[in-house]
Amino acid sequence: MPHIRGTIHGTAAMVTLVVGSVLTNTIQEEFEMFAQLATTTTRLLIDVAELPISEEVAEVVVPVGVLMGIWVFAYELQRL
């Protein structure tokens, strides 16, 4: 049943993106260090790497990547 597993993973990835962006905005408002990290990440992705993405997307890249990494890690541990 790989199609069911794929559907679950796709849905979970979309939910992770939404939750990650909401958490990012909330955490940036509360913690100055996280806001500085988001600003630094934005500058690195846009100015240094010259990626053609908006600043809003660049601010969410690292926190959402961390959330997705944790989710995949937990899934792989469950499969062991």
C-alpha atoms as a PDB file:
ATOM      1  CA  MET A   1       0.000   0.000   0.000  1.00  0.00           C
ATOM      2  CA  PRO A   2       2.622   2.581  -0.993  1.00  0.00           C
ATOM      3  CA  HIS A   3      -0.039   4.979  -2.309  1.00  0.00           C
ATOM      4  CA  ILE A   4      -1.558   5.282   1.175  1.00  0.00           C
ATOM      5  CA  ARG A   5       1.867   5.869   2.714  1.00  0.00           C
ATOM      6  CA  GLY A   6       2.603   8.486   0.046  1.00  0.00           C
ATOM      7  CA  THR A   7      -0.685  10.252   0.741  1.00  0.00           C
ATOM      8  CA  ILE A   8       0.021  10.307   4.464  1.00  0.00           C
ATOM      9  CA  HIS A   9       3.539  11.670   3.907  1.00  0.00           C
ATOM     10  CA  GLY A  10       2.300  14.330   1.491  1.00  0.00           C
ATOM     11  CA  THR A  11      -0.413  15.467   3.873  1.00  0.00           C
ATOM     12  CA  ALA A  12       1.988  15.502   6.804  1.00  0.00           C
ATOM     13  CA  ALA A  13       4.491  17.551   4.795  1.00  0.00           C
ATOM     14  CA  MET A  14       1.832  20.149   3.962  1.00  0.00           C
ATOM     15  CA  VAL A  15       0.719  20.340   7.597  1.00  0.00           C
ATOM     16  CA  THR A  16       4.355  20.678   8.672  1.00  0.00           C
ATOM     17  CA  LEU A  17       4.823  23.635   6.314  1.00  0.00           C
ATOM     18  CA  VAL A  18       1.765  25.426   7.663  1.00  0.00           C
ATOM     19  CA  VAL A  19       2.594  24.718  11.312  1.00  0.00           C
ATOM     20  CA  GLY A  20       6.229  25.643  10.711  1.00  0.00           C
ATOM     21  CA  SER A  21       5.364  29.021   9.231  1.00  0.00           C
ATOM     22  CA  VAL A  22       2.961  29.807  12.085  1.00  0.00           C
ATOM     23  CA  LEU A  23       5.542  28.731  14.683  1.00  0.00           C
ATOM     24  CA  THR A  24       8.228  30.761  12.947  1.00  0.00           C
ATOM     25  CA  ASN A  25       6.201  33.954  13.136  1.00  0.00           C
ATOM     26  CA  THR A  26       5.251  33.340  16.760  1.00  0.00           C
ATOM     27  CA  ILE A  27       8.779  32.486  17.865  1.00  0.00           C
ATOM     28  CA  GLN A  28      10.261  35.476  16.023  1.00  0.00           C
ATOM     29  CA  GLU A  29       7.961  37.801  17.942  1.00  0.00           C
ATOM     30  CA  GLU A  30       8.954  36.287  21.300  1.00  0.00           C
ATOM     31  CA  PHE A  31      12.682  35.611  20.969  1.00  0.00           C
ATOM     32  CA  GLU A  32      15.136  38.150  19.580  1.00  0.00           C
ATOM     33  CA  MET A  33      17.799  35.511  18.888  1.00  0.00           C
ATOM     34  CA  PHE A  34      15.420  33.601  16.609  1.00  0.00           C
ATOM     35  CA  ALA A  35      14.572  36.809  14.739  1.00  0.00           C
ATOM     36  CA  GLN A  36      18.281  37.426  14.198  1.00  0.00           C
ATOM     37  CA  LEU A  37      18.709  33.851  12.969  1.00  0.00           C
ATOM     38  CA  ALA A  38      15.859  34.353  10.495  1.00  0.00           C
ATOM     39  CA  THR A  39      17.402  37.618   9.295  1.00  0.00           C
ATOM     40  CA  THR A  40      20.819  36.003   8.881  1.00  0.00           C
ATOM     41  CA  THR A  41      19.322  33.046   7.032  1.00  0.00           C
ATOM     42  CA  THR A  42      17.404  35.400   4.752  1.00  0.00           C
ATOM     43  CA  ARG A  43      20.543  37.358   3.903  1.00  0.00           C
ATOM     44  CA  LEU A  44      22.533  34.168   3.266  1.00  0.00           C
ATOM     45  CA  LEU A  45      19.915  32.663   0.969  1.00  0.00           C
ATOM     46  CA  ILE A  46      19.087  35.827  -0.969  1.00  0.00           C
ATOM     47  CA  ASP A  47      22.331  37.827  -1.038  1.00  0.00           C
ATOM     48  CA  VAL A  48      25.074  35.221  -0.759  1.00  0.00           C
ATOM     49  CA  ALA A  49      23.507  32.218  -2.492  1.00  0.00           C
ATOM     50  CA  GLU A  50      21.484  34.519  -4.800  1.00  0.00           C
ATOM     51  CA  LEU A  51      18.440  32.244  -4.728  1.00  0.00           C
ATOM     52  CA  PRO A  52      15.421  33.732  -6.524  1.00  0.00           C
ATOM     53  CA  ILE A  53      13.029  33.496  -3.564  1.00  0.00           C
ATOM     54  CA  SER A  54      11.108  36.080  -1.569  1.00  0.00           C
ATOM     55  CA  GLU A  55      12.181  37.178   1.896  1.00  0.00           C
ATOM     56  CA  GLU A  56       9.073  35.624   3.480  1.00  0.00           C
ATOM     57  CA  VAL A  57       9.998  32.221   2.095  1.00  0.00           C
ATOM     58  CA  ALA A  58      13.632  32.559   3.147  1.00  0.00           C
ATOM     59  CA  GLU A  59      12.629  33.367   6.747  1.00  0.00           C
ATOM     60  CA  VAL A  60      10.676  30.105   6.994  1.00  0.00           C
ATOM     61  CA  VAL A  61      13.178  27.785   5.287  1.00  0.00           C
ATOM     62  CA  VAL A  62      15.330  26.845   8.295  1.00  0.00           C
ATOM     63  CA  PRO A  63      12.618  26.370  10.956  1.00  0.00           C
ATOM     64  CA  VAL A  64      10.406  24.341   8.629  1.00  0.00           C
ATOM     65  CA  GLY A  65      13.417  22.305   7.529  1.00  0.00           C
ATOM     66  CA  VAL A  66      14.169  21.516  11.155  1.00  0.00           C
ATOM     67  CA  LEU A  67      10.562  20.467  11.805  1.00  0.00           C
ATOM     68  CA  MET A  68      10.517  18.243   8.735  1.00  0.00           C
ATOM     69  CA  GLY A  69      13.861  16.750   9.712  1.00  0.00           C
ATOM     70  CA  ILE A  70      12.530  15.867  13.156  1.00  0.00           C
ATOM     71  CA  TRP A  71       9.406  14.361  11.606  1.00  0.00           C
ATOM     72  CA  VAL A  72      11.397  12.198   9.170  1.00  0.00           C
ATOM     73  CA  PHE A  73      13.801  11.157  11.936  1.00  0.00           C
ATOM     74  CA  ALA A  74      10.895  10.087  14.155  1.00  0.00           C
ATOM     75  CA  TYR A  75       9.353   8.179  11.267  1.00  0.00           C
ATOM     76  CA  GLU A  76      12.595   6.343  10.547  1.00  0.00           C
ATOM     77  CA  LEU A  77      13.032   5.485  14.232  1.00  0.00           C
ATOM     78  CA  GLN A  78       9.516   4.069  14.223  1.00  0.00           C
ATOM     79  CA  ARG A  79      10.383   1.894  11.213  1.00  0.00           C
ATOM     80  CA  LEU A  80      13.395   0.412  13.027  1.00  0.00           C
END
